[in-house]
N, C-alpha and C. Protein backbone atom coordinates (compact mmCIF):
# COMPACT_ATOMS: atom_id res chain seq x y z
N MET A 1 69.78 110.36 90.93
CA MET A 1 68.59 110.30 90.00
C MET A 1 69.18 110.78 88.60
N CYS A 2 68.69 110.09 87.61
CA CYS A 2 69.18 110.28 86.14
C CYS A 2 68.43 111.40 85.56
N VAL A 3 69.15 112.32 84.90
CA VAL A 3 68.54 113.44 84.13
C VAL A 3 68.60 112.95 82.69
N CYS A 4 67.35 113.00 82.09
CA CYS A 4 67.20 112.64 80.70
C CYS A 4 66.98 113.88 79.88
N SER A 5 67.47 113.77 78.67
CA SER A 5 67.20 114.92 77.70
C SER A 5 65.79 114.92 77.31
N PRO A 6 65.23 116.16 77.04
CA PRO A 6 63.77 116.17 76.78
C PRO A 6 63.45 115.57 75.45
N LEU A 7 62.22 115.08 75.39
CA LEU A 7 61.68 114.47 74.26
C LEU A 7 61.18 115.57 73.35
N VAL A 8 61.44 115.44 72.09
CA VAL A 8 61.14 116.49 71.04
C VAL A 8 60.23 115.96 69.96
N LEU A 9 59.09 116.63 69.64
CA LEU A 9 58.20 116.27 68.61
C LEU A 9 57.84 117.56 67.75
N ALA A 10 58.17 117.40 66.54
CA ALA A 10 57.97 118.48 65.57
C ALA A 10 58.62 119.82 66.05
N GLY A 11 59.82 119.61 66.58
CA GLY A 11 60.62 120.83 66.99
C GLY A 11 60.29 121.33 68.39
N ALA A 12 59.19 120.79 69.02
CA ALA A 12 58.83 121.36 70.33
C ALA A 12 59.04 120.28 71.39
N ASP A 13 59.57 120.80 72.60
CA ASP A 13 59.73 119.80 73.70
C ASP A 13 58.40 119.40 74.26
N LEU A 14 58.34 118.05 74.53
CA LEU A 14 57.13 117.47 75.14
C LEU A 14 57.22 117.56 76.60
N GLU A 15 56.20 117.99 77.21
CA GLU A 15 56.11 118.18 78.69
C GLU A 15 56.06 116.80 79.42
N TYR A 16 56.68 116.62 80.41
CA TYR A 16 56.70 115.42 81.20
C TYR A 16 55.58 115.52 82.21
N ILE A 17 54.63 114.51 82.28
CA ILE A 17 53.60 114.57 83.22
C ILE A 17 53.69 113.28 84.07
N HIS A 18 53.16 113.33 85.21
CA HIS A 18 53.19 112.20 86.10
C HIS A 18 52.07 111.21 85.98
N GLN A 19 51.04 111.63 85.40
CA GLN A 19 49.72 110.77 85.18
C GLN A 19 48.88 111.38 84.08
N THR A 20 48.17 110.49 83.49
CA THR A 20 47.18 110.89 82.40
C THR A 20 46.08 109.93 82.45
N LYS A 21 44.95 110.42 81.95
CA LYS A 21 43.74 109.58 81.90
C LYS A 21 43.52 109.03 80.49
N TYR A 22 43.28 107.71 80.44
CA TYR A 22 43.05 107.08 79.26
C TYR A 22 41.85 106.03 79.45
N LEU A 23 40.86 106.15 78.63
CA LEU A 23 39.62 105.28 78.73
C LEU A 23 39.15 105.15 80.18
N GLY A 24 39.20 106.26 80.83
CA GLY A 24 38.63 106.41 82.22
C GLY A 24 39.56 105.82 83.27
N VAL A 25 40.80 105.43 82.90
CA VAL A 25 41.82 104.95 83.81
C VAL A 25 42.92 105.84 83.94
N LEU A 26 43.48 106.05 85.15
CA LEU A 26 44.61 106.88 85.34
C LEU A 26 45.88 106.14 85.14
N LEU A 27 46.76 106.50 84.13
CA LEU A 27 47.99 105.79 83.92
C LEU A 27 49.04 106.65 84.65
N LYS A 28 49.91 105.99 85.39
CA LYS A 28 50.89 106.69 86.21
C LYS A 28 52.27 106.48 85.63
N ALA A 29 53.11 107.44 85.76
CA ALA A 29 54.51 107.39 85.41
C ALA A 29 55.28 106.54 86.42
N SER A 30 56.03 105.58 85.84
CA SER A 30 56.75 104.67 86.67
C SER A 30 57.66 103.84 85.78
N ARG A 31 58.58 103.16 86.45
CA ARG A 31 59.47 102.22 85.73
C ARG A 31 58.71 101.03 85.16
N GLN A 32 57.71 100.68 85.95
CA GLN A 32 56.87 99.56 85.51
C GLN A 32 55.42 100.06 85.18
N PHE A 33 54.63 99.32 84.56
CA PHE A 33 53.32 99.75 84.13
C PHE A 33 52.41 99.88 85.40
N LYS A 34 51.89 101.12 85.69
CA LYS A 34 51.03 101.28 86.80
C LYS A 34 49.75 102.02 86.35
N CYS A 35 48.59 101.61 86.87
CA CYS A 35 47.38 102.38 86.54
C CYS A 35 46.51 102.36 87.75
N SER A 36 45.53 103.20 87.77
CA SER A 36 44.74 103.31 88.90
C SER A 36 43.17 103.25 88.34
N PHE A 37 42.50 102.26 88.85
CA PHE A 37 41.08 102.00 88.46
C PHE A 37 40.12 102.54 89.40
N ASP A 38 40.60 103.43 90.32
CA ASP A 38 39.77 104.02 91.36
C ASP A 38 38.56 104.74 90.78
N GLN A 39 38.69 105.69 89.94
CA GLN A 39 37.64 106.37 89.24
C GLN A 39 36.59 105.37 88.54
N ALA A 40 37.14 104.36 87.86
CA ALA A 40 36.21 103.34 87.22
C ALA A 40 35.38 102.69 88.32
N LYS A 41 35.97 102.35 89.44
CA LYS A 41 35.23 101.61 90.53
C LYS A 41 34.24 102.47 91.17
N ILE A 42 34.56 103.81 91.26
CA ILE A 42 33.59 104.71 91.88
C ILE A 42 32.41 104.95 90.90
N LYS A 43 32.74 104.97 89.59
CA LYS A 43 31.66 105.07 88.64
C LYS A 43 30.81 103.86 88.59
N PHE A 44 31.40 102.63 88.74
CA PHE A 44 30.59 101.46 88.82
C PHE A 44 29.69 101.41 89.99
N CYS A 45 30.25 101.81 91.14
CA CYS A 45 29.43 101.83 92.43
C CYS A 45 28.32 102.78 92.26
N HIS A 46 28.54 103.92 91.70
CA HIS A 46 27.59 104.95 91.55
C HIS A 46 26.47 104.46 90.66
N SER A 47 26.74 103.86 89.52
CA SER A 47 25.78 103.42 88.68
C SER A 47 24.97 102.22 89.23
N PHE A 48 25.66 101.31 90.06
CA PHE A 48 25.02 100.27 90.71
C PHE A 48 24.04 100.66 91.81
N ASN A 49 24.50 101.65 92.49
CA ASN A 49 23.68 102.16 93.62
C ASN A 49 22.34 102.88 93.05
N ALA A 50 22.59 103.62 91.96
CA ALA A 50 21.41 104.38 91.31
C ALA A 50 20.46 103.30 90.65
N MET A 51 20.99 102.19 90.07
CA MET A 51 20.13 101.16 89.53
C MET A 51 19.41 100.43 90.61
N CYS A 52 20.05 100.15 91.67
CA CYS A 52 19.28 99.40 92.77
C CYS A 52 18.25 100.36 93.37
N TYR A 53 18.53 101.62 93.52
CA TYR A 53 17.55 102.51 94.13
C TYR A 53 16.36 102.58 93.16
N ARG A 54 16.54 102.68 91.87
CA ARG A 54 15.44 102.80 90.93
C ARG A 54 14.69 101.47 90.76
N ALA A 55 15.38 100.28 90.96
CA ALA A 55 14.79 98.95 90.74
C ALA A 55 14.31 98.35 92.01
N LYS A 56 14.26 99.09 93.12
CA LYS A 56 13.97 98.46 94.35
C LYS A 56 12.60 97.88 94.45
N ASN A 57 11.66 98.17 93.54
CA ASN A 57 10.31 97.65 93.49
C ASN A 57 10.21 96.70 92.39
N ALA A 58 11.25 96.26 91.79
CA ALA A 58 11.19 95.36 90.62
C ALA A 58 10.74 93.97 91.13
N SER A 59 9.81 93.43 90.35
CA SER A 59 9.19 92.17 90.75
C SER A 59 10.15 90.91 90.51
N SER A 60 11.13 91.02 89.72
CA SER A 60 12.02 89.84 89.45
C SER A 60 13.53 90.20 89.64
N GLU A 61 14.25 89.22 90.18
CA GLU A 61 15.62 89.46 90.35
C GLU A 61 16.29 89.40 89.03
N LEU A 62 15.74 88.80 88.03
CA LEU A 62 16.23 88.58 86.63
C LEU A 62 16.33 90.03 86.01
N VAL A 63 15.35 90.88 86.37
CA VAL A 63 15.28 92.32 85.87
C VAL A 63 16.50 93.02 86.35
N CYS A 64 16.71 92.81 87.77
CA CYS A 64 17.97 93.44 88.32
C CYS A 64 19.29 92.97 87.71
N VAL A 65 19.31 91.68 87.44
CA VAL A 65 20.63 91.09 86.90
C VAL A 65 20.82 91.65 85.47
N GLN A 66 19.75 91.75 84.68
CA GLN A 66 19.82 92.32 83.35
C GLN A 66 20.27 93.76 83.32
N LEU A 67 19.67 94.51 84.19
CA LEU A 67 19.96 95.82 84.40
C LEU A 67 21.53 96.12 84.80
N LEU A 68 21.92 95.20 85.68
CA LEU A 68 23.39 95.18 86.14
C LEU A 68 24.29 94.94 84.85
N LYS A 69 23.85 93.90 84.06
CA LYS A 69 24.68 93.58 82.94
C LYS A 69 24.69 94.82 81.89
N SER A 70 23.55 95.39 81.69
CA SER A 70 23.49 96.45 80.61
C SER A 70 23.87 97.85 81.06
N ILE A 71 23.75 98.18 82.32
CA ILE A 71 24.17 99.52 82.84
C ILE A 71 25.50 99.51 83.53
N CYS A 72 25.75 98.65 84.43
CA CYS A 72 26.89 98.77 85.33
C CYS A 72 28.22 98.08 84.72
N MET A 73 28.03 96.91 84.10
CA MET A 73 29.16 96.17 83.67
C MET A 73 29.93 96.99 82.57
N PRO A 74 29.25 97.69 81.66
CA PRO A 74 30.08 98.43 80.60
C PRO A 74 31.04 99.40 81.20
N VAL A 75 30.64 99.92 82.37
CA VAL A 75 31.55 100.85 83.05
C VAL A 75 32.99 100.22 83.32
N LEU A 76 32.90 98.98 83.87
CA LEU A 76 34.06 98.30 84.20
C LEU A 76 34.84 97.76 82.99
N LEU A 77 33.99 97.22 82.06
CA LEU A 77 34.60 96.60 80.80
C LEU A 77 35.26 97.67 79.98
N TYR A 78 34.80 98.92 79.98
CA TYR A 78 35.46 99.97 79.21
C TYR A 78 36.80 100.25 79.76
N ALA A 79 36.93 100.21 81.13
CA ALA A 79 38.23 100.43 81.76
C ALA A 79 39.15 99.30 81.61
N VAL A 80 38.68 98.13 81.44
CA VAL A 80 39.60 97.02 81.31
C VAL A 80 40.29 96.96 80.03
N GLU A 81 39.83 97.62 79.00
CA GLU A 81 40.50 97.80 77.70
C GLU A 81 41.93 98.25 77.78
N VAL A 82 42.16 99.00 78.84
CA VAL A 82 43.55 99.63 78.98
C VAL A 82 44.52 98.55 79.16
N THR A 83 44.23 97.53 80.05
CA THR A 83 45.16 96.44 80.29
C THR A 83 44.92 95.18 79.46
N THR A 84 45.67 94.72 78.60
CA THR A 84 45.56 93.55 77.76
C THR A 84 46.54 92.64 78.18
N TYR A 85 46.12 91.64 78.91
CA TYR A 85 47.00 90.57 79.39
C TYR A 85 46.77 89.29 78.51
C-alpha cells in the first residue's frame, strides 16, 4: 500500500475521509468514481408510497401520474446531477 503525503490547505492538513454526501448521493473514496444512490432511491420510494397512499381515492390516473412527476421525480433528478455522462 502506498503512503501519500497529507494534503495541505491554508497551512492546515486536510482530513482523509472514505465517503461524503453531495446532492443527496454518497460519494465513495476509490481509484475510480464510485457513488451510492441508495439514499436517493429510499427517498423516492418513500415519497412514492406516501403519494400513492394519499391519492388512493383519486378519480383519475392522470392525477397520479402528474403527482408522480411533480413530487417523486425531482427526488431522483436531484441526485442524477452528481453524475454527468
